[in-house]
């Protein structure tokens, strides 16, 4: 019988990845599961690394969106002030 440590080191099957990606498509559940997969102790190491990478990418995209909103918001505000 395999121990949990050995099972967590095995490559994930296509079925496991499909289930994981299907769960990630659910709006709020996906974000919560990313944290569970990334920082959970009993998760497959492949899934943990993938979830950590997804969280890093999510943070980068979020920062870029916030930066663009501030940039274009200030441009819009300056244009509106110039027209007044």
N, C-alpha and C. Protein backbone atom coordinates (compact mmCIF):
# COMPACT_ATOMS: atom_id res chain seq x y z
N UNK A 1 0.84 -1.17 0.00
CA UNK A 1 0.00 0.00 0.00
C UNK A 1 0.89 1.24 0.00
N UNK A 2 0.51 2.24 -0.85
CA UNK A 2 1.30 3.45 -0.96
C UNK A 2 1.04 4.38 0.21
N UNK A 3 2.10 5.07 0.60
CA UNK A 3 1.91 6.08 1.62
C UNK A 3 1.45 7.37 0.96
N UNK A 4 0.96 8.30 1.77
CA UNK A 4 0.48 9.57 1.23
C UNK A 4 1.63 10.34 0.57
N UNK A 5 2.84 10.26 1.15
CA UNK A 5 3.98 10.97 0.58
C UNK A 5 4.29 10.48 -0.82
N UNK A 6 4.25 9.16 -1.04
CA UNK A 6 4.52 8.61 -2.37
C UNK A 6 3.41 8.97 -3.35
N UNK A 7 2.17 8.96 -2.90
CA UNK A 7 1.04 9.31 -3.78
C UNK A 7 1.10 10.77 -4.19
N UNK A 8 1.60 11.63 -3.32
CA UNK A 8 1.69 13.05 -3.64
C UNK A 8 2.83 13.38 -4.58
N UNK A 9 3.73 12.44 -4.80
CA UNK A 9 4.86 12.66 -5.70
C UNK A 9 4.60 12.14 -7.11
N UNK A 10 3.56 11.32 -7.27
CA UNK A 10 3.27 10.73 -8.57
C UNK A 10 2.71 11.78 -9.53
N UNK A 11 2.98 11.62 -10.82
CA UNK A 11 2.37 12.54 -11.79
C UNK A 11 0.84 12.41 -11.77
N UNK A 12 0.18 13.53 -12.01
CA UNK A 12 -1.28 13.52 -12.03
C UNK A 12 -1.76 12.97 -13.37
N UNK A 13 -2.87 12.26 -13.33
CA UNK A 13 -3.44 11.70 -14.56
C UNK A 13 -4.23 12.78 -15.29
N UNK A 14 -4.59 12.48 -16.53
CA UNK A 14 -5.39 13.39 -17.33
C UNK A 14 -6.74 13.62 -16.65
N UNK A 15 -7.32 12.57 -16.09
CA UNK A 15 -8.60 12.69 -15.39
C UNK A 15 -8.49 13.65 -14.21
N UNK A 16 -7.40 13.56 -13.44
CA UNK A 16 -7.20 14.47 -12.31
C UNK A 16 -7.09 15.92 -12.78
N UNK A 17 -6.36 16.13 -13.89
CA UNK A 17 -6.21 17.49 -14.41
C UNK A 17 -7.54 18.02 -14.93
N UNK A 18 -8.34 17.18 -15.59
CA UNK A 18 -9.64 17.63 -16.09
C UNK A 18 -10.56 18.03 -14.94
N UNK A 19 -10.57 17.24 -13.89
CA UNK A 19 -11.39 17.57 -12.73
C UNK A 19 -10.91 18.88 -12.09
N UNK A 20 -9.60 19.03 -11.97
CA UNK A 20 -9.03 20.25 -11.39
C UNK A 20 -9.41 21.47 -12.23
N UNK A 21 -9.26 21.38 -13.54
CA UNK A 21 -9.58 22.52 -14.41
C UNK A 21 -11.07 22.81 -14.43
N UNK A 22 -11.89 21.79 -14.33
CA UNK A 22 -13.34 21.99 -14.27
C UNK A 22 -13.71 22.74 -12.99
N UNK A 23 -13.10 22.37 -11.88
CA UNK A 23 -13.36 23.06 -10.61
C UNK A 23 -12.85 24.50 -10.65
N UNK A 24 -11.76 24.74 -11.35
CA UNK A 24 -11.22 26.10 -11.45
C UNK A 24 -12.13 27.02 -12.26
N UNK A 25 -12.98 26.45 -13.10
CA UNK A 25 -13.89 27.25 -13.93
C UNK A 25 -15.06 27.81 -13.13
N UNK A 26 -15.31 27.29 -11.94
CA UNK A 26 -16.39 27.81 -11.10
C UNK A 26 -15.88 29.08 -10.43
N UNK A 27 -16.56 30.22 -10.62
CA UNK A 27 -16.00 31.53 -10.26
C UNK A 27 -15.37 31.65 -8.87
N UNK A 28 -16.09 31.57 -7.80
CA UNK A 28 -15.50 31.79 -6.48
C UNK A 28 -14.78 30.54 -5.98
N UNK A 29 -15.32 29.40 -6.30
CA UNK A 29 -14.73 28.13 -5.86
C UNK A 29 -13.31 27.98 -6.41
N UNK A 30 -13.09 28.43 -7.63
CA UNK A 30 -11.77 28.30 -8.24
C UNK A 30 -10.69 29.03 -7.47
N UNK A 31 -10.99 30.25 -7.05
CA UNK A 31 -10.01 31.04 -6.30
C UNK A 31 -9.73 30.39 -4.94
N UNK A 32 -10.78 29.95 -4.27
CA UNK A 32 -10.60 29.31 -2.95
C UNK A 32 -9.78 28.03 -3.11
N UNK A 33 -10.09 27.24 -4.14
CA UNK A 33 -9.36 25.99 -4.34
C UNK A 33 -7.90 26.24 -4.71
N UNK A 34 -7.61 27.33 -5.39
CA UNK A 34 -6.20 27.64 -5.67
C UNK A 34 -5.40 27.77 -4.38
N UNK A 35 -5.98 28.45 -3.39
CA UNK A 35 -5.29 28.57 -2.11
C UNK A 35 -5.19 27.23 -1.39
N UNK A 36 -6.26 26.44 -1.47
CA UNK A 36 -6.24 25.11 -0.83
C UNK A 36 -5.19 24.23 -1.48
N UNK A 37 -5.17 24.22 -2.82
CA UNK A 37 -4.19 23.39 -3.52
C UNK A 37 -2.76 23.89 -3.29
N UNK A 38 -2.56 25.19 -3.27
CA UNK A 38 -1.21 25.74 -3.14
C UNK A 38 -0.62 25.52 -1.76
N UNK A 39 -1.46 25.63 -0.72
CA UNK A 39 -0.92 25.60 0.64
C UNK A 39 -1.39 24.40 1.46
N UNK A 40 -2.12 23.48 0.84
CA UNK A 40 -2.56 22.28 1.54
C UNK A 40 -1.42 21.28 1.69
N UNK A 41 -1.46 20.50 2.75
CA UNK A 41 -0.39 19.54 3.01
C UNK A 41 -0.57 18.23 2.27
N UNK A 42 -1.81 17.86 1.97
CA UNK A 42 -2.07 16.55 1.37
C UNK A 42 -2.32 16.60 -0.12
N UNK A 43 -1.80 17.63 -0.80
CA UNK A 43 -2.01 17.76 -2.24
C UNK A 43 -0.81 17.23 -3.01
N UNK A 44 -1.08 16.83 -4.22
CA UNK A 44 -0.03 16.38 -5.13
C UNK A 44 0.94 17.53 -5.37
N UNK A 45 2.23 17.24 -5.41
CA UNK A 45 3.25 18.28 -5.57
C UNK A 45 3.09 18.99 -6.91
N UNK A 46 2.65 18.29 -7.94
CA UNK A 46 2.42 18.93 -9.23
C UNK A 46 1.29 19.95 -9.14
N UNK A 47 0.22 19.57 -8.46
CA UNK A 47 -0.92 20.47 -8.30
C UNK A 47 -0.55 21.66 -7.41
N UNK A 48 0.26 21.44 -6.39
CA UNK A 48 0.70 22.54 -5.53
C UNK A 48 1.51 23.56 -6.32
N UNK A 49 2.46 23.09 -7.11
CA UNK A 49 3.29 24.01 -7.89
C UNK A 49 2.46 24.75 -8.93
N UNK A 50 1.52 24.06 -9.57
CA UNK A 50 0.65 24.70 -10.55
C UNK A 50 -0.20 25.77 -9.89
N UNK A 51 -0.76 25.47 -8.72
CA UNK A 51 -1.61 26.43 -8.02
C UNK A 51 -0.81 27.66 -7.58
N UNK A 52 0.41 27.46 -7.12
CA UNK A 52 1.25 28.59 -6.73
C UNK A 52 1.57 29.46 -7.94
N UNK A 53 1.87 28.84 -9.07
CA UNK A 53 2.14 29.60 -10.29
C UNK A 53 0.90 30.36 -10.74
N UNK A 54 -0.27 29.75 -10.63
CA UNK A 54 -1.52 30.43 -10.99
C UNK A 54 -1.77 31.63 -10.09
N UNK A 55 -1.51 31.49 -8.79
CA UNK A 55 -1.70 32.61 -7.87
C UNK A 55 -0.73 33.75 -8.17
N UNK A 56 0.50 33.42 -8.52
CA UNK A 56 1.47 34.45 -8.89
C UNK A 56 1.01 35.18 -10.15
N UNK A 57 0.56 34.42 -11.15
CA UNK A 57 0.07 35.04 -12.39
C UNK A 57 -1.16 35.90 -12.11
N UNK A 58 -2.04 35.43 -11.25
CA UNK A 58 -3.24 36.20 -10.89
C UNK A 58 -2.85 37.52 -10.23
N UNK A 59 -1.86 37.49 -9.36
CA UNK A 59 -1.40 38.71 -8.70
C UNK A 59 -0.77 39.68 -9.70
N UNK A 60 0.00 39.16 -10.65
CA UNK A 60 0.63 40.01 -11.67
C UNK A 60 -0.43 40.66 -12.54
N UNK A 61 -1.40 39.88 -13.00
CA UNK A 61 -2.47 40.42 -13.85
C UNK A 61 -3.29 41.45 -13.07
N UNK A 62 -3.59 41.17 -11.82
CA UNK A 62 -4.33 42.10 -10.99
C UNK A 62 -3.57 43.42 -10.84
N UNK A 63 -2.27 43.35 -10.62
CA UNK A 63 -1.45 44.56 -10.49
C UNK A 63 -1.44 45.36 -11.80
N UNK A 64 -1.34 44.68 -12.93
CA UNK A 64 -1.35 45.36 -14.23
C UNK A 64 -2.69 46.04 -14.46
N UNK A 65 -3.78 45.37 -14.13
CA UNK A 65 -5.12 45.95 -14.31
C UNK A 65 -5.28 47.19 -13.43
N UNK A 66 -4.87 47.10 -12.18
CA UNK A 66 -4.96 48.25 -11.28
C UNK A 66 -4.12 49.41 -11.81
N UNK A 67 -2.91 49.13 -12.27
CA UNK A 67 -2.04 50.16 -12.84
C UNK A 67 -2.70 50.83 -14.04
N UNK A 68 -3.28 50.03 -14.93
CA UNK A 68 -3.94 50.59 -16.12
C UNK A 68 -5.16 51.42 -15.74
N UNK A 69 -5.93 50.96 -14.76
CA UNK A 69 -7.09 51.73 -14.30
C UNK A 69 -6.66 53.08 -13.74
N UNK A 70 -5.61 53.09 -12.95
CA UNK A 70 -5.11 54.35 -12.40
C UNK A 70 -4.58 55.25 -13.52
N UNK A 71 -3.82 54.69 -14.43
CA UNK A 71 -3.25 55.46 -15.54
C UNK A 71 -4.34 56.07 -16.41
N UNK A 72 -5.26 55.25 -16.89
CA UNK A 72 -6.30 55.75 -17.77
C UNK A 72 -7.31 56.61 -17.03
N UNK A 73 -7.53 56.32 -15.76
CA UNK A 73 -8.39 57.17 -14.95
C UNK A 73 -7.82 58.57 -14.79
N UNK A 74 -6.52 58.65 -14.55
CA UNK A 74 -5.90 59.96 -14.42
C UNK A 74 -5.86 60.71 -15.75
N UNK A 75 -5.66 59.99 -16.86
CA UNK A 75 -5.71 60.62 -18.17
C UNK A 75 -7.11 61.16 -18.44
N UNK A 76 -8.12 60.38 -18.12
CA UNK A 76 -9.51 60.80 -18.31
C UNK A 76 -9.83 62.00 -17.43
N UNK A 77 -9.38 61.96 -16.18
CA UNK A 77 -9.63 63.08 -15.27
C UNK A 77 -8.94 64.34 -15.75
N UNK A 78 -7.72 64.23 -16.27
CA UNK A 78 -7.00 65.39 -16.78
C UNK A 78 -7.69 65.95 -18.03
N UNK A 79 -8.19 65.06 -18.88
CA UNK A 79 -8.91 65.52 -20.07
C UNK A 79 -10.20 66.22 -19.71
N UNK A 80 -10.91 65.72 -18.72
CA UNK A 80 -12.15 66.35 -18.27
C UNK A 80 -11.87 67.71 -17.63
N UNK A 81 -10.79 67.82 -16.90
CA UNK A 81 -10.43 69.09 -16.24
C UNK A 81 -10.01 70.11 -17.29
N UNK A 82 -9.37 69.67 -18.36
CA UNK A 82 -8.94 70.59 -19.42
C UNK A 82 -10.11 71.12 -20.20
N UNK A 83 -11.19 70.37 -20.31
CA UNK A 83 -12.36 70.79 -21.05
C UNK A 83 -13.27 71.70 -20.25
N UNK A 84 -13.06 71.80 -18.96
CA UNK A 84 -13.94 72.61 -18.11
C UNK A 84 -13.62 74.08 -18.20
